[in-house]
Protein backbone atom coordinates (compact mmCIF):
# COMPACT_ATOMS: atom_id res chain seq x y z
CA MET A 1 140.62 177.66 237.41
CA ASN A 2 142.02 174.70 239.33
CA VAL A 3 142.36 176.31 242.77
CA THR A 4 139.37 177.56 244.79
CA PRO A 5 139.98 181.22 245.71
CA LYS A 6 140.82 181.98 249.34
CA PHE A 7 140.21 185.45 250.75
CA ALA A 8 142.69 187.27 252.94
CA GLN A 9 142.15 187.07 256.70
CA LEU A 10 142.83 190.59 257.92
CA LYS A 11 142.99 191.94 261.46
CA PRO A 12 141.26 194.14 262.28
CA SER A 13 138.63 192.79 259.92
CA PHE A 14 136.46 195.29 258.06
CA HIS A 15 133.80 192.60 257.68
CA THR A 16 133.68 192.05 261.43
CA GLU A 17 133.31 195.79 262.01
CA LEU A 18 130.45 195.95 259.51
CA LYS A 19 128.67 192.98 261.08
CA ASN A 20 128.96 194.55 264.54
CA ARG A 21 127.44 197.81 263.35
CA ILE A 22 124.58 196.13 261.50
CA THR A 23 123.87 193.83 264.45
CA TYR A 24 123.73 196.86 266.73
CA TYR A 25 121.26 198.55 264.38
CA PHE A 26 118.81 195.63 264.49
CA GLU A 27 119.23 195.11 268.25
CA SER A 28 118.77 198.80 269.04
CA THR A 29 115.70 199.18 266.81
CA GLY A 30 114.18 195.82 267.77
CA LYS A 31 113.58 195.01 264.11
CA SER A 32 113.82 191.54 262.60
CA THR A 33 116.26 191.06 259.73
CA ALA A 34 113.52 189.21 257.81
CA GLY A 35 110.72 190.66 255.70
CA ASN A 36 107.59 192.22 257.16
CA TYR A 37 104.10 193.24 256.05
CA LYS A 38 105.55 195.52 253.35
CA LEU A 39 107.21 192.59 251.60
CA TRP A 40 104.31 190.22 252.16
CA THR A 41 101.85 192.78 250.76
CA LYS A 42 104.06 193.18 247.72
CA ALA A 43 104.17 189.40 247.32
CA VAL A 44 100.36 189.20 247.35
CA ILE A 45 100.12 192.00 244.75
CA LEU A 46 102.65 190.37 242.41
CA ILE A 47 101.26 186.84 242.68
CA SER A 48 97.72 188.20 242.16
CA ALA A 49 98.88 190.13 239.10
CA LEU A 50 100.50 186.99 237.68
CA ILE A 51 97.36 184.91 238.19
CA PHE A 52 95.06 187.60 236.77
CA LEU A 53 97.17 188.14 233.65
CA TYR A 54 97.59 184.40 233.07
CA VAL A 55 93.88 183.60 233.50
CA HIS A 56 92.78 186.52 231.33
CA LEU A 57 95.24 185.64 228.57
CA VAL A 58 94.56 181.92 228.53
CA PHE A 59 90.86 181.61 229.34
CA PHE A 60 89.38 184.95 228.21
CA THR A 61 91.63 185.56 225.17
CA PRO A 62 91.80 189.34 224.70
CA SER A 63 92.29 190.96 221.28
CA ALA A 64 95.77 190.82 219.72
CA PHE A 65 96.84 194.28 220.91
CA TRP A 66 95.79 193.71 224.52
CA ALA A 67 97.20 190.18 224.47
CA VAL A 68 100.62 191.56 223.51
CA MET A 69 100.41 194.25 226.19
CA GLU A 70 99.43 191.68 228.81
CA CYS A 71 102.25 189.34 227.76
CA ILE A 72 104.72 192.21 228.21
CA LEU A 73 103.24 192.92 231.65
CA LEU A 74 103.38 189.22 232.45
CA GLY A 75 107.09 189.17 231.60
CA GLY A 76 107.72 192.12 233.91
CA THR A 77 105.66 190.49 236.66
CA VAL A 78 107.60 187.23 236.35
CA ALA A 79 110.88 189.14 236.71
CA SER A 80 109.56 191.09 239.68
CA ILE A 81 108.41 187.91 241.43
CA GLY A 82 111.93 186.57 240.94
CA PHE A 83 113.49 189.71 242.41
CA ASN A 84 111.12 190.19 245.32
CA ILE A 85 109.74 186.81 246.39
CA MET A 86 111.98 184.04 245.09
CA HIS A 87 115.22 185.90 245.76
CA ASP A 88 114.48 186.81 249.38
CA GLY A 89 113.03 183.34 249.98
CA ALA A 90 116.10 181.62 248.57
CA HIS A 91 118.31 183.65 250.90
CA GLY A 92 116.10 182.85 253.89
CA SER A 93 115.12 186.48 254.42
CA PHE A 94 111.52 186.56 253.18
CA SER A 95 110.21 185.60 256.61
CA LYS A 96 111.27 184.29 260.02
CA SER A 97 109.44 181.11 259.05
CA PRO A 98 111.54 178.49 257.19
CA VAL A 99 108.33 177.16 255.63
CA LEU A 100 107.40 180.56 254.16
CA ASN A 101 110.97 181.03 252.95
CA LYS A 102 110.81 177.68 251.19
CA MET A 103 107.44 178.55 249.65
CA ALA A 104 108.82 181.86 248.40
CA ALA A 105 111.96 180.20 247.02
CA VAL A 106 110.13 177.49 245.08
CA THR A 107 108.12 180.07 243.13
CA LEU A 108 111.13 179.73 240.84
CA GLY A 109 110.07 176.15 240.11
CA PHE A 110 106.62 177.21 238.94
CA LEU A 111 108.28 179.79 236.70
CA GLY A 112 110.50 177.14 235.09
CA GLY A 113 113.80 177.34 236.94
CA SER A 114 115.45 174.88 239.30
CA HIS A 115 115.70 176.11 242.87
CA PHE A 116 118.48 173.59 243.58
CA MET A 117 120.62 174.87 240.69
CA TRP A 118 119.92 178.48 241.61
CA ASN A 119 120.97 177.90 245.20
CA VAL A 120 124.35 176.45 244.19
CA LYS A 121 124.99 178.88 241.31
CA HIS A 122 123.83 182.05 243.03
CA ASN A 123 123.82 181.68 246.81
CA ILE A 124 126.99 179.60 247.09
CA ILE A 125 129.20 180.42 244.08
CA HIS A 126 128.21 183.92 242.92
CA HIS A 127 127.93 185.40 246.40
CA ALA A 128 131.21 183.90 247.55
CA TYR A 129 133.32 184.51 244.44
CA THR A 130 131.78 187.57 242.80
CA ASN A 131 133.39 188.64 239.49
CA ILE A 132 136.16 186.02 239.68
CA ASP A 133 136.49 184.73 236.15
CA GLY A 134 136.36 180.95 235.90
CA VAL A 135 134.34 180.65 239.11
CA ASP A 136 131.47 183.14 239.01
CA ASP A 137 129.04 181.74 236.45
CA ASP A 138 127.22 185.09 236.25
CA ILE A 139 130.03 186.62 234.17
CA ASP A 140 130.34 183.59 231.90
CA ALA A 141 128.51 184.45 228.69
CA LYS A 142 131.19 183.00 226.42
CA PRO A 143 131.63 183.11 223.51
CA PHE A 144 128.95 185.68 222.71
CA LEU A 145 129.88 188.26 225.34
CA ARG A 146 133.22 189.08 226.95
CA MET A 147 132.62 190.11 230.56
CA ALA A 148 136.20 190.19 231.89
CA SER A 149 139.62 191.07 230.52
CA THR A 150 140.84 187.55 231.38
CA GLN A 151 138.35 186.01 228.93
CA LYS A 152 139.27 185.24 225.32
CA LYS A 153 138.48 188.06 222.92
CA TYR A 154 136.98 187.49 219.47
CA LYS A 155 136.68 190.07 216.68
CA PHE A 156 132.89 190.23 217.01
CA HIS A 157 133.22 191.40 220.62
CA ARG A 158 133.96 194.84 219.18
CA PHE A 159 130.23 195.09 218.57
CA GLN A 160 128.98 193.56 221.82
CA HIS A 161 127.93 196.93 223.21
CA TRP A 162 125.46 197.06 220.31
CA TYR A 163 124.10 193.52 220.31
CA PHE A 164 124.18 192.62 224.04
CA TRP A 165 120.47 193.34 224.49
CA PHE A 166 119.58 190.54 222.04
CA PHE A 167 121.34 187.90 224.18
CA TYR A 168 119.97 189.40 227.40
CA CYS A 169 116.45 188.88 226.07
CA TRP A 170 117.10 185.14 225.64
CA LEU A 171 118.43 184.61 229.17
CA TYR A 172 115.17 183.26 230.60
CA ILE A 173 114.58 180.75 227.79
CA TYR A 174 118.23 179.68 227.85
CA TRP A 175 118.05 179.26 231.63
CA ILE A 176 114.95 177.06 231.85
CA PHE A 177 115.41 175.05 228.65
CA PHE A 178 119.18 174.60 228.53
CA ALA A 179 121.33 175.90 231.42
CA ASP A 180 119.53 173.96 234.17
CA TYR A 181 119.83 170.73 232.19
CA LYS A 182 123.48 171.36 231.38
CA LYS A 183 124.24 171.72 235.09
CA TYR A 184 122.09 168.68 235.91
CA PHE A 185 123.72 166.28 233.44
CA THR A 186 127.34 167.53 233.62
CA ARG A 187 127.18 167.86 237.43
CA LYS A 188 129.07 171.14 237.08
CA ILE A 189 128.40 174.86 237.21
CA GLY A 190 131.07 176.35 234.99
CA ASP A 191 134.27 174.73 236.26
CA MET A 192 132.88 174.19 239.76
CA PRO A 193 131.49 170.77 240.77
CA LEU A 194 127.78 170.67 241.51
CA LYS A 195 126.70 169.89 245.05
CA LYS A 196 125.56 166.25 245.32
CA MET A 197 121.84 165.91 244.68
CA ALA A 198 119.68 163.79 246.98
CA ILE A 199 116.84 161.67 245.58
CA LYS A 200 114.31 164.37 246.53
CA ASP A 201 116.39 166.97 244.66
CA HIS A 202 116.20 164.90 241.48
CA PHE A 203 112.46 164.42 241.99
CA TYR A 204 111.71 168.10 242.49
CA PHE A 205 113.97 169.12 239.60
CA TRP A 206 111.81 167.15 237.16
CA LEU A 207 108.51 167.78 238.93
CA TYR A 208 108.75 171.56 238.73
CA LYS A 209 109.92 171.43 235.11
CA ILE A 210 106.81 169.42 234.22
CA ILE A 211 104.52 171.71 236.24
CA SER A 212 105.97 174.87 234.69
CA TYR A 213 105.83 173.58 231.12
CA SER A 214 102.27 172.44 231.73
CA ILE A 215 101.16 175.82 233.08
CA PHE A 216 102.86 178.07 230.54
CA ILE A 217 102.92 175.89 227.41
CA VAL A 218 100.62 172.85 227.43
CA ILE A 219 97.46 174.44 228.91
CA PRO A 220 97.71 177.64 226.79
CA MET A 221 98.21 175.55 223.66
CA ALA A 222 95.05 173.60 224.47
CA GLU A 223 93.08 176.80 225.10
CA VAL A 224 94.33 179.33 222.54
CA GLY A 225 96.31 177.27 220.05
CA VAL A 226 99.94 176.46 219.33
CA GLY A 227 100.83 179.58 217.33
CA ASP A 228 99.38 182.13 219.74
CA THR A 229 100.94 180.32 222.69
CA ILE A 230 104.40 180.37 221.10
CA ILE A 231 104.11 184.09 220.29
CA GLY A 232 102.81 184.96 223.76
CA TYR A 233 105.37 182.80 225.52
CA LEU A 234 108.20 184.36 223.53
CA ILE A 235 107.03 187.88 224.35
CA MET A 236 106.76 187.05 228.05
CA THR A 237 110.13 185.30 228.31
CA LEU A 238 112.05 187.81 226.18
CA VAL A 239 110.79 190.69 228.34
CA ALA A 240 111.52 188.81 231.57
CA GLY A 241 114.95 187.75 230.28
CA PHE A 242 116.02 191.27 229.44
CA ILE A 243 114.84 192.71 232.77
CA LEU A 244 116.52 189.94 234.77
CA SER A 245 119.76 190.32 232.81
CA ILE A 246 120.08 194.08 232.91
CA VAL A 247 119.36 194.35 236.63
CA PHE A 248 121.97 191.76 237.57
CA GLN A 249 124.55 193.09 235.10
CA LEU A 250 124.23 196.67 236.34
CA ALA A 251 125.25 195.36 239.75
CA HIS A 252 128.61 193.90 238.73
CA THR A 253 129.67 194.64 235.14
CA VAL A 254 130.11 198.39 235.01
CA GLU A 255 133.14 200.63 234.54
CA HIS A 256 133.98 201.05 238.22
CA THR A 257 133.74 197.45 239.44
CA HIS A 258 136.77 195.16 239.64
CA PHE A 259 137.45 191.65 238.38
CA PRO A 260 140.28 190.45 240.66
CA MET A 261 141.92 187.08 240.20
CA PRO A 262 143.61 184.88 242.83
CA ASN A 263 147.24 183.87 242.81
CA GLU A 264 147.44 180.96 240.34
CA ALA A 265 149.54 178.77 242.61
CA SER A 266 148.02 179.45 246.03
CA GLY A 267 144.54 180.64 245.10
CA LYS A 268 144.89 183.54 247.54
CA MET A 269 143.07 186.83 246.98
CA ASP A 270 144.55 190.19 247.98
CA ASP A 271 141.44 191.40 249.82
CA GLU A 272 139.26 190.08 252.58
CA TRP A 273 135.80 188.96 251.48
CA ALA A 274 133.84 192.11 252.43
CA ILE A 275 136.25 194.44 250.66
CA HIS A 276 136.16 192.14 247.63
CA GLN A 277 132.36 192.51 247.57
CA LEU A 278 132.62 196.29 247.68
CA LYS A 279 135.13 196.33 244.83
CA THR A 280 133.08 194.03 242.61
CA THR A 281 129.58 195.41 243.24
CA ALA A 282 127.69 198.62 242.43
CA ASN A 283 124.41 200.24 243.44
CA PHE A 284 122.09 202.25 241.20
CA ALA A 285 119.01 204.47 241.56
CA THR A 286 118.72 203.87 245.30
CA GLN A 287 116.63 207.04 245.75
CA ASN A 288 114.03 205.87 243.23
CA PRO A 289 111.20 204.17 245.20
CA VAL A 290 109.53 202.73 242.09
CA ILE A 291 112.68 200.98 240.87
CA SER A 292 113.46 199.80 244.41
CA TRP A 293 109.95 198.32 244.70
CA LEU A 294 110.02 196.57 241.34
CA VAL A 295 113.54 195.09 241.55
CA GLY A 296 113.26 193.92 245.14
CA GLY A 297 115.99 196.19 246.44
CA LEU A 298 118.56 194.70 244.07
CA ASN A 299 119.57 198.24 243.15
CA PHE A 300 121.07 198.11 246.68
CA GLN A 301 123.34 195.32 245.48
CA ILE A 302 126.22 196.24 247.82
CA GLU A 303 124.02 195.78 250.87
CA HIS A 304 122.67 192.55 249.46
CA HIS A 305 126.10 191.09 248.81
CA LEU A 306 127.45 192.03 252.21
CA PHE A 307 124.33 190.85 254.07
CA PRO A 308 122.39 188.43 251.82
CA LYS A 309 120.39 187.00 254.74
CA ILE A 310 118.86 190.40 255.50
CA SER A 311 115.63 191.18 253.63
CA HIS A 312 115.83 193.87 250.96
CA ILE A 313 113.25 196.03 252.78
CA HIS A 314 116.03 196.98 255.24
CA TYR A 315 118.63 197.96 252.63
CA PRO A 316 117.89 201.72 252.59
CA ALA A 317 118.53 201.87 256.34
CA ILE A 318 121.65 199.72 256.49
CA SER A 319 123.15 201.40 253.41
CA LYS A 320 123.71 204.52 255.51
CA ILE A 321 125.70 202.47 258.04
CA ILE A 322 127.78 200.78 255.34
CA LYS A 323 128.50 204.08 253.56
CA GLN A 324 129.70 205.62 256.83
CA ALA A 325 131.99 202.67 257.53
CA CYS A 326 133.43 202.89 254.00
CA ARG A 327 134.18 206.59 254.49
CA GLU A 328 135.95 205.89 257.77
CA TYR A 329 138.03 203.05 256.29
CA ASN A 330 138.64 204.90 252.99
CA ILE A 331 136.98 202.16 250.93
CA THR A 332 135.28 203.02 247.65
CA TYR A 333 131.49 202.60 247.58
CA VAL A 334 130.37 202.43 243.95
CA GLU A 335 126.97 203.95 243.29
CA TYR A 336 125.17 205.43 240.28
CA PRO A 337 122.48 207.96 241.30
CA ARG A 338 120.30 207.22 238.25
CA MET A 339 119.56 203.96 236.49
CA TYR A 340 120.36 205.40 233.07
CA GLN A 341 123.84 206.30 234.34
CA ALA A 342 124.42 202.67 235.32
CA VAL A 343 123.16 201.51 231.91
CA ILE A 344 125.55 203.92 230.15
CA SER A 345 128.40 202.65 232.33
CA HIS A 346 127.50 199.04 231.51
CA VAL A 347 127.47 199.77 227.78
CA SER A 348 130.85 201.55 228.11
CA PHE A 349 132.19 198.55 230.01
CA LEU A 350 131.08 196.17 227.26
CA LYS A 351 132.69 198.47 224.70
CA GLN A 352 135.98 198.41 226.64
CA MET A 353 135.90 194.62 226.97
CA GLY A 354 135.34 194.32 223.23
CA ARG A 355 138.34 196.47 222.34
CA LEU A 356 140.96 196.09 225.06
């Protein structure tokens, strides 16, 4: 895509109406839009779990069965830290304190990813241009998976609803060992130019890569051996990769979400930004407190996309306001009551994309 998409400027603006209602909610309740003790307690629990599992695996070496179980748990914990701590921190909603937000955001660095690349790819591009093929890097899994009808179809895509899980498992490894470096050296994210990196950005890019590889590969190899480290690391990253992939895909690539494209000449979109977000995003299992806790409220993806600077602990409350506004304006609010329903819809979507 050669033209950056431009959203319609409508009056009256639905986005403005939503912002007014959400602002009134926080002003009338006296609540901060940032995280509170609930989120910070969760952060302590998750970080403690990560440290305990890592130390026990590396320095106390449990038997093979328990080592495998702990590596699986470690993978789930890594994903949950990404959802709950890094994600809110990167959006500036973990705390009122910029320092705490930065600390939360750079947990990604210790886990192997580049915070700089994530910020450009996710916060700037994905949140602005959700589900727009050629811009949103989150739906670019070419050539292995076809995530939009505008993408080239290959014969093997007929089977993508069977094999997708295999590629989802490899997301984490692909991300930290290949995708970050591709963005770094090509200075591009998909077809979009990468934001200019300052000297400190280059420094921290390499520093955190070295730290992460040292923690999760070098030290374990020295303590438990090369073979066991490779097996354990693969188990952890494959589990984390699948969880990260499926949660983000259930939010945007299901049967009822849209994949609108701008006018080729002008780059103009038909909808204003907020309506575009509602058309391209879906919620799932919002009444399930366990899922909500583990995925950092990302099952409330509509609320997150409309108000990314509000901490996920407030999503259950503001979802009621957004749903009411959608009813009044006759705008579809896509939601799957159960997670399995969203998974079925995602599989059906992949099947459609492989055959249409």
